[in-house]
Protein backbone atom coordinates (compact mmCIF):
# COMPACT_ATOMS: atom_id res chain seq x y z
CA UNK A 1 -0.12 0.08 0.00
CA UNK A 2 1.27 3.43 -0.98
CA UNK A 3 0.93 6.57 1.02
CA UNK A 4 -1.64 8.04 -1.80
CA UNK A 5 -3.78 4.98 -1.05
CA UNK A 6 -4.17 5.54 2.80
CA UNK A 7 -7.41 7.65 2.77
CA UNK A 8 -9.18 5.01 0.51
CA UNK A 9 -7.91 2.23 2.78
CA UNK A 10 -9.18 4.01 6.19
CA UNK A 11 -12.43 5.02 4.65
CA UNK A 12 -12.98 1.24 3.66
CA UNK A 13 -11.80 -0.35 6.92
CA UNK A 14 -13.33 1.95 9.56
CA UNK A 15 -16.48 1.31 11.29
CA UNK A 16 -19.62 3.10 10.87
CA UNK A 17 -20.95 5.78 13.19
CA UNK A 18 -23.95 4.87 15.28
CA UNK A 19 -26.14 7.94 14.72
CA UNK A 20 -29.11 6.57 16.47
CA UNK A 21 -27.25 5.82 19.55
CA UNK A 22 -25.92 9.30 19.78
CA UNK A 23 -29.50 10.92 19.12
CA UNK A 24 -30.65 8.60 22.08
CA UNK A 25 -27.75 9.74 24.19
CA UNK A 26 -28.58 13.29 23.59
CA UNK A 27 -32.28 13.03 24.29
CA UNK A 28 -31.75 10.83 27.41
CA UNK A 29 -28.83 12.78 29.10
CA UNK A 30 -28.06 15.98 27.37
CA UNK A 31 -31.43 17.60 26.53
CA UNK A 32 -33.03 17.18 30.24
CA UNK A 33 -29.99 19.17 31.56
CA UNK A 34 -30.29 21.84 28.98
CA UNK A 35 -34.05 22.14 29.79
CA UNK A 36 -33.33 22.11 33.64
CA UNK A 37 -30.65 24.79 33.03
CA UNK A 38 -33.24 26.95 31.09
CA UNK A 39 -35.95 26.26 33.78
CA UNK A 40 -33.35 27.63 36.52
CA UNK A 41 -32.48 30.74 34.54
CA UNK A 42 -36.22 31.54 33.98
CA UNK A 43 -37.02 31.01 37.61
CA UNK A 44 -34.21 33.32 38.52
CA UNK A 45 -35.31 35.97 36.13
CA UNK A 46 -38.92 35.66 37.43
CA UNK A 47 -37.91 36.17 40.78
CA UNK A 48 -36.12 39.59 39.78
CA UNK A 49 -39.38 40.83 38.45
CA UNK A 50 -38.56 40.16 34.74
CA UNK A 51 -41.79 38.10 34.00
CA UNK A 52 -42.22 39.75 30.58
CA UNK A 53 -38.88 38.64 29.70
CA UNK A 54 -39.35 35.01 31.07
CA UNK A 55 -42.58 34.70 29.10
CA UNK A 56 -40.86 35.87 25.98
CA UNK A 57 -37.83 33.55 26.41
CA UNK A 58 -40.04 30.70 27.13
CA UNK A 59 -42.08 31.39 24.17
CA UNK A 60 -39.25 31.57 22.04
CA UNK A 61 -37.94 28.11 23.73
CA UNK A 62 -41.34 26.46 22.85
CA UNK A 63 -41.55 27.73 19.24
CA UNK A 64 -37.81 26.61 18.78
CA UNK A 65 -38.80 22.84 20.27
CA UNK A 66 -41.65 22.85 17.85
CA UNK A 67 -39.45 23.57 14.90
CA UNK A 68 -37.14 20.93 16.00
CA UNK A 69 -40.14 18.34 16.25
CA UNK A 70 -41.28 19.65 12.85
CA UNK A 71 -37.79 18.79 11.20
CA UNK A 72 -37.72 15.30 12.81
CA UNK A 73 -41.03 14.69 11.61
CA UNK A 74 -40.31 15.94 8.12
CA UNK A 75 -37.13 13.84 7.90
CA UNK A 76 -39.00 10.53 9.16
CA UNK A 77 -41.90 11.37 6.55
CA UNK A 78 -39.45 12.24 3.88
CA UNK A 79 -37.42 9.05 4.43
CA UNK A 80 -40.65 7.12 4.32
CA UNK A 81 -41.60 8.46 0.96
CA UNK A 82 -38.19 7.76 -0.60
CA UNK A 83 -38.43 4.31 0.42
CA UNK A 84 -41.91 3.91 -1.12
CA UNK A 85 -41.05 5.67 -4.48
CA UNK A 86 -37.47 3.92 -4.82
CA UNK A 87 -38.10 0.48 -3.86
CA UNK A 88 -34.89 -1.82 -3.66
CA UNK A 89 -35.18 -4.81 -5.61
């Protein structure tokens, strides 16, 4: 094997990345911690009398979560449509 063939050799002999495991880890471990931190920040702001800012931030966070859920749904529905339209034979 020559040095110029190394990238091809590495690409062909590496393991695939477990993306579903990464997503499950993020959803089960990281996301709850981030949401708890946001909740603490919102409670601290509300105690200071910044209720309007808390409501605005909460609304933005909820809309952001809705967009993320919509994107995940779009990917799943799109993947299903591609599987239906382009069947492997």
